[in-house]
Amino acid sequence: MMKVKSKRPPQRTCIACRQVKEKRDLIRLVSTENGIAEIDVFAEKSGRGAYLCPKRTCWELALRKNRLDYALRTRLRDDNRQNLLEYIYNLEES
């Protein structure tokens, strides 16, 4: 008889707080071809990705210290940064 190994869920690291969590507990951001960072809700878009906790402090840290720029290997525009901050503010209200 063969033993069946239980498959562990994939884990990712938040680029701000550096905590390792399950992939489904983090929010994925992906860099598009034109250098804009988009939120990838279903984690299906192709491109360079980074993960953040759904906490305001992580998002502010990642945007303030340019960690998101480094992780996505791009330079975010100011309007793109503002859109990402608005997303997390709206997420926390609901």
PDB file of N, CA and C in Angstrom:
ATOM      1  N   MET A   1       0.822  -1.179   0.000  1.00  0.00           N
ATOM      2  CA  MET A   1       0.000   0.000   0.000  1.00  0.00           C
ATOM      3  C   MET A   1       0.868   1.246   0.000  1.00  0.00           C
ATOM      4  N   MET A   2       0.448   2.224  -0.818  1.00  0.00           N
ATOM      5  CA  MET A   2       1.174   3.484  -0.882  1.00  0.00           C
ATOM      6  C   MET A   2       0.521   4.516   0.024  1.00  0.00           C
ATOM      7  N   LYS A   3       1.346   5.294   0.667  1.00  0.00           N
ATOM      8  CA  LYS A   3       0.823   6.383   1.479  1.00  0.00           C
ATOM      9  C   LYS A   3       0.577   7.577   0.571  1.00  0.00           C
ATOM     10  N   VAL A   4      -0.534   8.229   0.778  1.00  0.00           N
ATOM     11  CA  VAL A   4      -0.858   9.416   0.002  1.00  0.00           C
ATOM     12  C   VAL A   4      -0.501  10.637   0.836  1.00  0.00           C
ATOM     13  N   LYS A   5       0.342  11.471   0.290  1.00  0.00           N
ATOM     14  CA  LYS A   5       0.718  12.685   0.993  1.00  0.00           C
ATOM     15  C   LYS A   5      -0.391  13.719   0.838  1.00  0.00           C
ATOM     16  N   SER A   6      -0.680  14.401   1.920  1.00  0.00           N
ATOM     17  CA  SER A   6      -1.671  15.472   1.813  1.00  0.00           C
ATOM     18  C   SER A   6      -0.989  16.692   1.196  1.00  0.00           C
ATOM     19  N   LYS A   7      -1.673  17.282   0.272  1.00  0.00           N
ATOM     20  CA  LYS A   7      -1.109  18.416  -0.446  1.00  0.00           C
ATOM     21  C   LYS A   7      -1.307  19.685   0.373  1.00  0.00           C
ATOM     22  N   ARG A   8      -0.219  20.377   0.648  1.00  0.00           N
ATOM     23  CA  ARG A   8      -0.296  21.617   1.413  1.00  0.00           C
ATOM     24  C   ARG A   8      -0.689  22.755   0.491  1.00  0.00           C
ATOM     25  N   PRO A   9      -1.451  23.703   1.000  1.00  0.00           N
ATOM     26  CA  PRO A   9      -1.828  24.846   0.159  1.00  0.00           C
ATOM     27  C   PRO A   9      -0.598  25.710  -0.138  1.00  0.00           C
ATOM     28  N   PRO A  10      -0.568  26.351  -1.304  1.00  0.00           N
ATOM     29  CA  PRO A  10       0.582  27.197  -1.641  1.00  0.00           C
ATOM     30  C   PRO A  10       0.700  28.375  -0.686  1.00  0.00           C
ATOM     31  N   GLN A  11       1.936  28.730  -0.378  1.00  0.00           N
ATOM     32  CA  GLN A  11       2.186  29.848   0.521  1.00  0.00           C
ATOM     33  C   GLN A  11       2.973  30.926  -0.194  1.00  0.00           C
ATOM     34  N   ARG A  12       2.706  32.156   0.176  1.00  0.00           N
ATOM     35  CA  ARG A  12       3.390  33.316  -0.380  1.00  0.00           C
ATOM     36  C   ARG A  12       3.772  34.259   0.754  1.00  0.00           C
ATOM     37  N   THR A  13       4.681  35.194   0.472  1.00  0.00           N
ATOM     38  CA  THR A  13       5.161  36.148   1.462  1.00  0.00           C
ATOM     39  C   THR A  13       4.662  37.544   1.119  1.00  0.00           C
ATOM     40  N   CYS A  14       4.123  38.234   2.111  1.00  0.00           N
ATOM     41  CA  CYS A  14       3.709  39.627   1.935  1.00  0.00           C
ATOM     42  C   CYS A  14       4.978  40.465   1.766  1.00  0.00           C
ATOM     43  N   ILE A  15       5.018  41.326   0.760  1.00  0.00           N
ATOM     44  CA  ILE A  15       6.228  42.101   0.501  1.00  0.00           C
ATOM     45  C   ILE A  15       6.434  43.225   1.510  1.00  0.00           C
ATOM     46  N   ALA A  16       5.418  43.528   2.307  1.00  0.00           N
ATOM     47  CA  ALA A  16       5.545  44.596   3.294  1.00  0.00           C
ATOM     48  C   ALA A  16       5.956  44.060   4.665  1.00  0.00           C
ATOM     49  N   CYS A  17       5.148  43.181   5.235  1.00  0.00           N
ATOM     50  CA  CYS A  17       5.415  42.688   6.595  1.00  0.00           C
ATOM     51  C   CYS A  17       6.262  41.422   6.615  1.00  0.00           C
ATOM     52  N   ARG A  18       6.487  40.808   5.446  1.00  0.00           N
ATOM     53  CA  ARG A  18       7.327  39.624   5.278  1.00  0.00           C
ATOM     54  C   ARG A  18       6.778  38.383   5.990  1.00  0.00           C
ATOM     55  N   GLN A  19       5.485  38.354   6.279  1.00  0.00           N
ATOM     56  CA  GLN A  19       4.868  37.171   6.874  1.00  0.00           C
ATOM     57  C   GLN A  19       4.495  36.187   5.779  1.00  0.00           C
ATOM     58  N   VAL A  20       4.727  34.919   6.043  1.00  0.00           N
ATOM     59  CA  VAL A  20       4.350  33.867   5.103  1.00  0.00           C
ATOM     60  C   VAL A  20       2.942  33.420   5.455  1.00  0.00           C
ATOM     61  N   LYS A  21       2.050  33.484   4.461  1.00  0.00           N
ATOM     62  CA  LYS A  21       0.655  33.105   4.651  1.00  0.00           C
ATOM     63  C   LYS A  21       0.208  32.275   3.467  1.00  0.00           C
ATOM     64  N   GLU A  22      -0.975  31.690   3.597  1.00  0.00           N
ATOM     65  CA  GLU A  22      -1.529  30.960   2.470  1.00  0.00           C
ATOM     66  C   GLU A  22      -1.845  31.935   1.347  1.00  0.00           C
ATOM     67  N   LYS A  23      -1.692  31.467   0.144  1.00  0.00           N
ATOM     68  CA  LYS A  23      -1.875  32.295  -1.041  1.00  0.00           C
ATOM     69  C   LYS A  23      -3.261  32.943  -1.078  1.00  0.00           C
ATOM     70  N   ARG A  24      -4.275  32.214  -0.663  1.00  0.00           N
ATOM     71  CA  ARG A  24      -5.642  32.731  -0.735  1.00  0.00           C
ATOM     72  C   ARG A  24      -5.909  33.832   0.282  1.00  0.00           C
ATOM     73  N   ASP A  25      -5.046  33.978   1.301  1.00  0.00           N
ATOM     74  CA  ASP A  25      -5.214  35.004   2.326  1.00  0.00           C
ATOM     75  C   ASP A  25      -4.556  36.325   1.946  1.00  0.00           C
ATOM     76  N   LEU A  26      -3.845  36.347   0.843  1.00  0.00           N
ATOM     77  CA  LEU A  26      -3.151  37.558   0.394  1.00  0.00           C
ATOM     78  C   LEU A  26      -3.792  38.087  -0.888  1.00  0.00           C
ATOM     79  N   ILE A  27      -3.513  39.340  -1.191  1.00  0.00           N
ATOM     80  CA  ILE A  27      -4.005  39.968  -2.412  1.00  0.00           C
ATOM     81  C   ILE A  27      -2.842  40.058  -3.391  1.00  0.00           C
ATOM     82  N   ARG A  28      -3.051  39.578  -4.599  1.00  0.00           N
ATOM     83  CA  ARG A  28      -1.999  39.586  -5.620  1.00  0.00           C
ATOM     84  C   ARG A  28      -2.100  40.837  -6.472  1.00  0.00           C
ATOM     85  N   LEU A  29      -0.972  41.451  -6.714  1.00  0.00           N
ATOM     86  CA  LEU A  29      -0.876  42.561  -7.650  1.00  0.00           C
ATOM     87  C   LEU A  29       0.023  42.112  -8.781  1.00  0.00           C
ATOM     88  N   VAL A  30      -0.305  42.548  -9.984  1.00  0.00           N
ATOM     89  CA  VAL A  30       0.451  42.127 -11.149  1.00  0.00           C
ATOM     90  C   VAL A  30       0.840  43.365 -11.955  1.00  0.00           C
ATOM     91  N   SER A  31       2.015  43.339 -12.517  1.00  0.00           N
ATOM     92  CA  SER A  31       2.490  44.423 -13.371  1.00  0.00           C
ATOM     93  C   SER A  31       2.100  44.120 -14.812  1.00  0.00           C
ATOM     94  N   THR A  32       1.383  45.045 -15.441  1.00  0.00           N
ATOM     95  CA  THR A  32       0.978  44.855 -16.822  1.00  0.00           C
ATOM     96  C   THR A  32       2.109  45.263 -17.753  1.00  0.00           C
ATOM     97  N   GLU A  33       1.889  45.061 -19.042  1.00  0.00           N
ATOM     98  CA  GLU A  33       2.925  45.369 -20.030  1.00  0.00           C
ATOM     99  C   GLU A  33       3.280  46.855 -20.056  1.00  0.00           C
ATOM    100  N   ASN A  34       2.309  47.727 -19.754  1.00  0.00           N
ATOM    101  CA  ASN A  34       2.582  49.165 -19.799  1.00  0.00           C
ATOM    102  C   ASN A  34       3.024  49.723 -18.448  1.00  0.00           C
ATOM    103  N   GLY A  35       3.377  48.872 -17.499  1.00  0.00           N
ATOM    104  CA  GLY A  35       3.954  49.318 -16.238  1.00  0.00           C
ATOM    105  C   GLY A  35       2.949  49.718 -15.177  1.00  0.00           C
ATOM    106  N   ILE A  36       1.703  49.379 -15.342  1.00  0.00           N
ATOM    107  CA  ILE A  36       0.679  49.702 -14.360  1.00  0.00           C
ATOM    108  C   ILE A  36       0.450  48.485 -13.468  1.00  0.00           C
ATOM    109  N   ALA A  37       0.377  48.730 -12.167  1.00  0.00           N
ATOM    110  CA  ALA A  37       0.099  47.647 -11.221  1.00  0.00           C
ATOM    111  C   ALA A  37      -1.412  47.503 -11.076  1.00  0.00           C
ATOM    112  N   GLU A  38      -1.903  46.292 -11.262  1.00  0.00           N
ATOM    113  CA  GLU A  38      -3.327  46.011 -11.145  1.00  0.00           C
ATOM    114  C   GLU A  38      -3.545  44.954 -10.084  1.00  0.00           C
ATOM    115  N   ILE A  39      -4.711  45.002  -9.467  1.00  0.00           N
ATOM    116  CA  ILE A  39      -5.086  43.997  -8.487  1.00  0.00           C
ATOM    117  C   ILE A  39      -5.620  42.792  -9.241  1.00  0.00           C
ATOM    118  N   ASP A  40      -5.056  41.647  -8.939  1.00  0.00           N
ATOM    119  CA  ASP A  40      -5.429  40.400  -9.606  1.00  0.00           C
ATOM    120  C   ASP A  40      -6.263  39.568  -8.637  1.00  0.00           C
ATOM    121  N   VAL A  41      -7.565  39.786  -8.664  1.00  0.00           N
ATOM    122  CA  VAL A  41      -8.472  39.180  -7.693  1.00  0.00           C
ATOM    123  C   VAL A  41      -8.431  37.659  -7.749  1.00  0.00           C
ATOM    124  N   PHE A  42      -8.434  37.085  -8.933  1.00  0.00           N
ATOM    125  CA  PHE A  42      -8.482  35.635  -9.073  1.00  0.00           C
ATOM    126  C   PHE A  42      -7.108  34.994  -9.258  1.00  0.00           C
ATOM    127  N   ALA A  43      -6.050  35.780  -9.201  1.00  0.00           N
ATOM    128  CA  ALA A  43      -4.663  35.309  -9.346  1.00  0.00           C
ATOM    129  C   ALA A  43      -4.471  34.502 -10.625  1.00  0.00           C
ATOM    130  N   GLU A  44      -5.013  35.003 -11.729  1.00  0.00           N
ATOM    131  CA  GLU A  44      -4.913  34.303 -13.007  1.00  0.00           C
ATOM    132  C   GLU A  44      -4.190  35.105 -14.084  1.00  0.00           C
ATOM    133  N   LYS A  45      -3.975  36.390 -13.852  1.00  0.00           N
ATOM    134  CA  LYS A  45      -3.342  37.214 -14.876  1.00  0.00           C
ATOM    135  C   LYS A  45      -1.871  36.855 -15.005  1.00  0.00           C
ATOM    136  N   SER A  46      -1.381  36.971 -16.212  1.00  0.00           N
ATOM    137  CA  SER A  46       0.034  36.683 -16.417  1.00  0.00           C
ATOM    138  C   SER A  46       0.840  37.949 -16.170  1.00  0.00           C
ATOM    139  N   GLY A  47       2.062  37.758 -15.796  1.00  0.00           N
ATOM    140  CA  GLY A  47       2.947  38.883 -15.543  1.00  0.00           C
ATOM    141  C   GLY A  47       3.603  38.761 -14.184  1.00  0.00           C
ATOM    142  N   ARG A  48       4.478  39.698 -13.908  1.00  0.00           N
ATOM    143  CA  ARG A  48       5.209  39.723 -12.644  1.00  0.00           C
ATOM    144  C   ARG A  48       4.241  40.042 -11.514  1.00  0.00           C
ATOM    145  N   GLY A  49       4.231  39.250 -10.474  1.00  0.00           N
ATOM    146  CA  GLY A  49       3.280  39.434  -9.388  1.00  0.00           C
ATOM    147  C   GLY A  49       3.942  39.656  -8.049  1.00  0.00           C
ATOM    148  N   ALA A  50       3.161  40.243  -7.135  1.00  0.00           N
ATOM    149  CA  ALA A  50       3.583  40.460  -5.759  1.00  0.00           C
ATOM    150  C   ALA A  50       2.354  40.297  -4.872  1.00  0.00           C
ATOM    151  N   TYR A  51       2.575  39.956  -3.623  1.00  0.00           N
ATOM    152  CA  TYR A  51       1.466  39.694  -2.710  1.00  0.00           C
ATOM    153  C   TYR A  51       1.525  40.636  -1.518  1.00  0.00           C
ATOM    154  N   LEU A  52       0.325  41.097  -1.098  1.00  0.00           N
ATOM    155  CA  LEU A  52       0.188  41.965   0.067  1.00  0.00           C
ATOM    156  C   LEU A  52      -0.939  41.457   0.958  1.00  0.00           C
ATOM    157  N   CYS A  53      -0.779  41.657   2.253  1.00  0.00           N
ATOM    158  CA  CYS A  53      -1.855  41.351   3.195  1.00  0.00           C
ATOM    159  C   CYS A  53      -3.009  42.324   2.959  1.00  0.00           C
ATOM    160  N   PRO A  54      -4.215  41.932   3.305  1.00  0.00           N
ATOM    161  CA  PRO A  54      -5.342  42.865   3.157  1.00  0.00           C
ATOM    162  C   PRO A  54      -5.434  43.846   4.326  1.00  0.00           C
ATOM    163  N   LYS A  55      -4.301  44.392   4.741  1.00  0.00           N
ATOM    164  CA  LYS A  55      -4.256  45.364   5.831  1.00  0.00           C
ATOM    165  C   LYS A  55      -3.712  46.683   5.298  1.00  0.00           C
ATOM    166  N   ARG A  56      -4.298  47.767   5.780  1.00  0.00           N
ATOM    167  CA  ARG A  56      -3.891  49.108   5.328  1.00  0.00           C
ATOM    168  C   ARG A  56      -2.420  49.370   5.604  1.00  0.00           C
ATOM    169  N   THR A  57      -1.911  48.929   6.745  1.00  0.00           N
ATOM    170  CA  THR A  57      -0.516  49.206   7.099  1.00  0.00           C
ATOM    171  C   THR A  57       0.450  48.566   6.104  1.00  0.00           C
ATOM    172  N   CYS A  58       0.146  47.366   5.657  1.00  0.00           N
ATOM    173  CA  CYS A  58       1.015  46.701   4.677  1.00  0.00           C
ATOM    174  C   CYS A  58       1.004  47.445   3.347  1.00  0.00           C
ATOM    175  N   TRP A  59      -0.171  47.868   2.915  1.00  0.00           N
ATOM    176  CA  TRP A  59      -0.274  48.572   1.635  1.00  0.00           C
ATOM    177  C   TRP A  59       0.452  49.907   1.693  1.00  0.00           C
ATOM    178  N   GLU A  60       0.278  50.645   2.788  1.00  0.00           N
ATOM    179  CA  GLU A  60       0.945  51.940   2.913  1.00  0.00           C
ATOM    180  C   GLU A  60       2.460  51.770   2.956  1.00  0.00           C
ATOM    181  N   LEU A  61       2.924  50.774   3.672  1.00  0.00           N
ATOM    182  CA  LEU A  61       4.358  50.504   3.753  1.00  0.00           C
ATOM    183  C   LEU A  61       4.931  50.124   2.389  1.00  0.00           C
ATOM    184  N   ALA A  62       4.225  49.267   1.679  1.00  0.00           N
ATOM    185  CA  ALA A  62       4.698  48.821   0.362  1.00  0.00           C
ATOM    186  C   ALA A  62       4.759  49.979  -0.631  1.00  0.00           C
ATOM    187  N   LEU A  63       3.814  50.888  -0.548  1.00  0.00           N
ATOM    188  CA  LEU A  63       3.802  52.021  -1.480  1.00  0.00           C
ATOM    189  C   LEU A  63       4.751  53.126  -1.037  1.00  0.00           C
ATOM    190  N   ARG A  64       4.854  53.365   0.258  1.00  0.00           N
ATOM    191  CA  ARG A  64       5.706  54.444   0.760  1.00  0.00           C
ATOM    192  C   ARG A  64       7.189  54.115   0.580  1.00  0.00           C
ATOM    193  N   LYS A  65       7.576  52.889   0.855  1.00  0.00           N
ATOM    194  CA  LYS A  65       8.994  52.504   0.786  1.00  0.00           C
ATOM    195  C   LYS A  65       9.388  51.928  -0.572  1.00  0.00           C
ATOM    196  N   ASN A  66       8.512  52.038  -1.562  1.00  0.00           N
ATOM    197  CA  ASN A  66       8.767  51.556  -2.931  1.00  0.00           C
ATOM    198  C   ASN A  66       9.026  50.057  -2.998  1.00  0.00           C
ATOM    199  N   ARG A  67       8.520  49.307  -2.044  1.00  0.00           N
ATOM    200  CA  ARG A  67       8.687  47.857  -2.074  1.00  0.00           C
ATOM    201  C   ARG A  67       7.897  47.237  -3.222  1.00  0.00           C
ATOM    202  N   LEU A  68       6.755  47.846  -3.525  1.00  0.00           N
ATOM    203  CA  LEU A  68       5.953  47.337  -4.638  1.00  0.00           C
ATOM    204  C   LEU A  68       6.676  47.577  -5.961  1.00  0.00           C
ATOM    205  N   ASP A  69       7.304  48.728  -6.099  1.00  0.00           N
ATOM    206  CA  ASP A  69       8.093  49.014  -7.308  1.00  0.00           C
ATOM    207  C   ASP A  69       9.190  47.964  -7.489  1.00  0.00           C
ATOM    208  N   TYR A  70       9.876  47.666  -6.394  1.00  0.00           N
ATOM    209  CA  TYR A  70      10.979  46.713  -6.443  1.00  0.00           C
ATOM    210  C   TYR A  70      10.478  45.308  -6.771  1.00  0.00           C
ATOM    211  N   ALA A  71       9.394  44.899  -6.126  1.00  0.00           N
ATOM    212  CA  ALA A  71       8.876  43.543  -6.330  1.00  0.00           C
ATOM    213  C   ALA A  71       8.346  43.344  -7.744  1.00  0.00           C
ATOM    214  N   LEU A  72       7.714  44.373  -8.285  1.00  0.00           N
ATOM    215  CA  LEU A  72       7.145  44.264  -9.633  1.00  0.00           C
ATOM    216  C   LEU A  72       8.136  44.665 -10.724  1.00  0.00           C
ATOM    217  N   ARG A  73       9.298  45.134 -10.310  1.00  0.00           N
ATOM    218  CA  ARG A  73      10.347  45.567 -11.251  1.00  0.00           C
ATOM    219  C   ARG A  73       9.828  46.617 -12.222  1.00  0.00           C
ATOM    220  N   THR A  74       9.180  47.628 -11.662  1.00  0.00           N
ATOM    221  CA  THR A  74       8.653  48.720 -12.465  1.00  0.00           C
ATOM    222  C   THR A  74       8.643  49.979 -11.620  1.00  0.00           C
ATOM    223  N   ARG A  75       8.297  51.094 -12.231  1.00  0.00           N
ATOM    224  CA  ARG A  75       8.171  52.368 -11.524  1.00  0.00           C
ATOM    225  C   ARG A  75       6.714  52.786 -11.601  1.00  0.00           C
ATOM    226  N   LEU A  76       6.025  52.816 -10.454  1.00  0.00           N
ATOM    227  CA  LEU A  76       4.613  53.161 -10.430  1.00  0.00           C
ATOM    228  C   LEU A  76       4.415  54.672 -10.574  1.00  0.00           C
ATOM    229  N   ARG A  77       3.396  55.021 -11.338  1.00  0.00           N
ATOM    230  CA  ARG A  77       3.044  56.433 -11.468  1.00  0.00           C
ATOM    231  C   ARG A  77       2.218  56.852 -10.255  1.00  0.00           C
ATOM    232  N   ASP A  78       2.152  58.163  -9.999  1.00  0.00           N
ATOM    233  CA  ASP A  78       1.437  58.667  -8.830  1.00  0.00           C
ATOM    234  C   ASP A  78      -0.053  58.336  -8.879  1.00  0.00           C
ATOM    235  N   ASP A  79      -0.667  58.415 -10.064  1.00  0.00           N
ATOM    236  CA  ASP A  79      -2.096  58.107 -10.156  1.00  0.00           C
ATOM    237  C   ASP A  79      -2.350  56.619  -9.894  1.00  0.00           C
ATOM    238  N   ASN A  80      -1.415  55.774 -10.294  1.00  0.00           N
ATOM    239  CA  ASN A  80      -1.535  54.332 -10.028  1.00  0.00           C
ATOM    240  C   ASN A  80      -1.424  54.056  -8.529  1.00  0.00           C
ATOM    241  N   ARG A  81      -0.499  54.738  -7.854  1.00  0.00           N
ATOM    242  CA  ARG A  81      -0.351  54.597  -6.405  1.00  0.00           C
ATOM    243  C   ARG A  81      -1.642  54.997  -5.683  1.00  0.00           C
ATOM    244  N   GLN A  82      -2.219  56.103  -6.129  1.00  0.00           N
ATOM    245  CA  GLN A  82      -3.443  56.598  -5.496  1.00  0.00           C
ATOM    246  C   GLN A  82      -4.588  55.609  -5.684  1.00  0.00           C
ATOM    247  N   ASN A  83      -4.701  55.025  -6.858  1.00  0.00           N
ATOM    248  CA  ASN A  83      -5.753  54.034  -7.116  1.00  0.00           C
ATOM    249  C   ASN A  83      -5.601  52.816  -6.209  1.00  0.00           C
ATOM    250  N   LEU A  84      -4.375  52.387  -5.977  1.00  0.00           N
ATOM    251  CA  LEU A  84      -4.139  51.237  -5.112  1.00  0.00           C
ATOM    252  C   LEU A  84      -4.490  51.549  -3.656  1.00  0.00           C
ATOM    253  N   LEU A  85      -4.161  52.764  -3.209  1.00  0.00           N
ATOM    254  CA  LEU A  85      -4.524  53.161  -1.847  1.00  0.00           C
ATOM    255  C   LEU A  85      -6.041  53.257  -1.686  1.00  0.00           C
ATOM    256  N   GLU A  86      -6.716  53.783  -2.689  1.00  0.00           N
ATOM    257  CA  GLU A  86      -8.174  53.875  -2.638  1.00  0.00           C
ATOM    258  C   GLU A  86      -8.803  52.487  -2.567  1.00  0.00           C
ATOM    259  N   TYR A  87      -8.211  51.538  -3.242  1.00  0.00           N
ATOM    260  CA  TYR A  87      -8.738  50.169  -3.212  1.00  0.00           C
ATOM    261  C   TYR A  87      -8.721  49.607  -1.799  1.00  0.00           C
ATOM    262  N   ILE A  88      -7.624  49.762  -1.085  1.00  0.00           N
ATOM    263  CA  ILE A  88      -7.542  49.194   0.256  1.00  0.00           C
ATOM    264  C   ILE A  88      -8.429  49.960   1.219  1.00  0.00           C
ATOM    265  N   TYR A  89      -8.598  51.275   1.055  1.00  0.00           N
ATOM    266  CA  TYR A  89      -9.511  52.033   1.918  1.00  0.00           C
ATOM    267  C   TYR A  89     -10.947  51.559   1.703  1.00  0.00           C
ATOM    268  N   ASN A  90     -11.314  51.311   0.472  1.00  0.00           N
ATOM    269  CA  ASN A  90     -12.664  50.797   0.171  1.00  0.00           C
ATOM    270  C   ASN A  90     -12.848  49.380   0.675  1.00  0.00           C
ATOM    271  N   LEU A  91     -11.803  48.584   0.626  1.00  0.00           N
ATOM    272  CA  LEU A  91     -11.872  47.200   1.073  1.00  0.00           C
ATOM    273  C   LEU A  91     -12.114  47.130   2.581  1.00  0.00           C
ATOM    274  N   GLU A  92     -11.454  47.990   3.335  1.00  0.00           N
ATOM    275  CA  GLU A  92     -11.592  47.956   4.785  1.00  0.00           C
ATOM    276  C   GLU A  92     -12.932  48.472   5.266  1.00  0.00           C
ATOM    277  N   GLU A  93     -13.572  49.374   4.496  1.00  0.00           N
ATOM    278  CA  GLU A  93     -14.860  49.916   4.900  1.00  0.00           C
ATOM    279  C   GLU A  93     -15.956  48.872   4.792  1.00  0.00           C
ATOM    280  N   SER A  94     -15.837  47.981   3.809  1.00  0.00           N
ATOM    281  CA  SER A  94     -16.899  46.982   3.625  1.00  0.00           C
ATOM    282  C   SER A  94     -16.677  45.733   4.421  1.00  0.00           C
TER     283      SER A  94
END
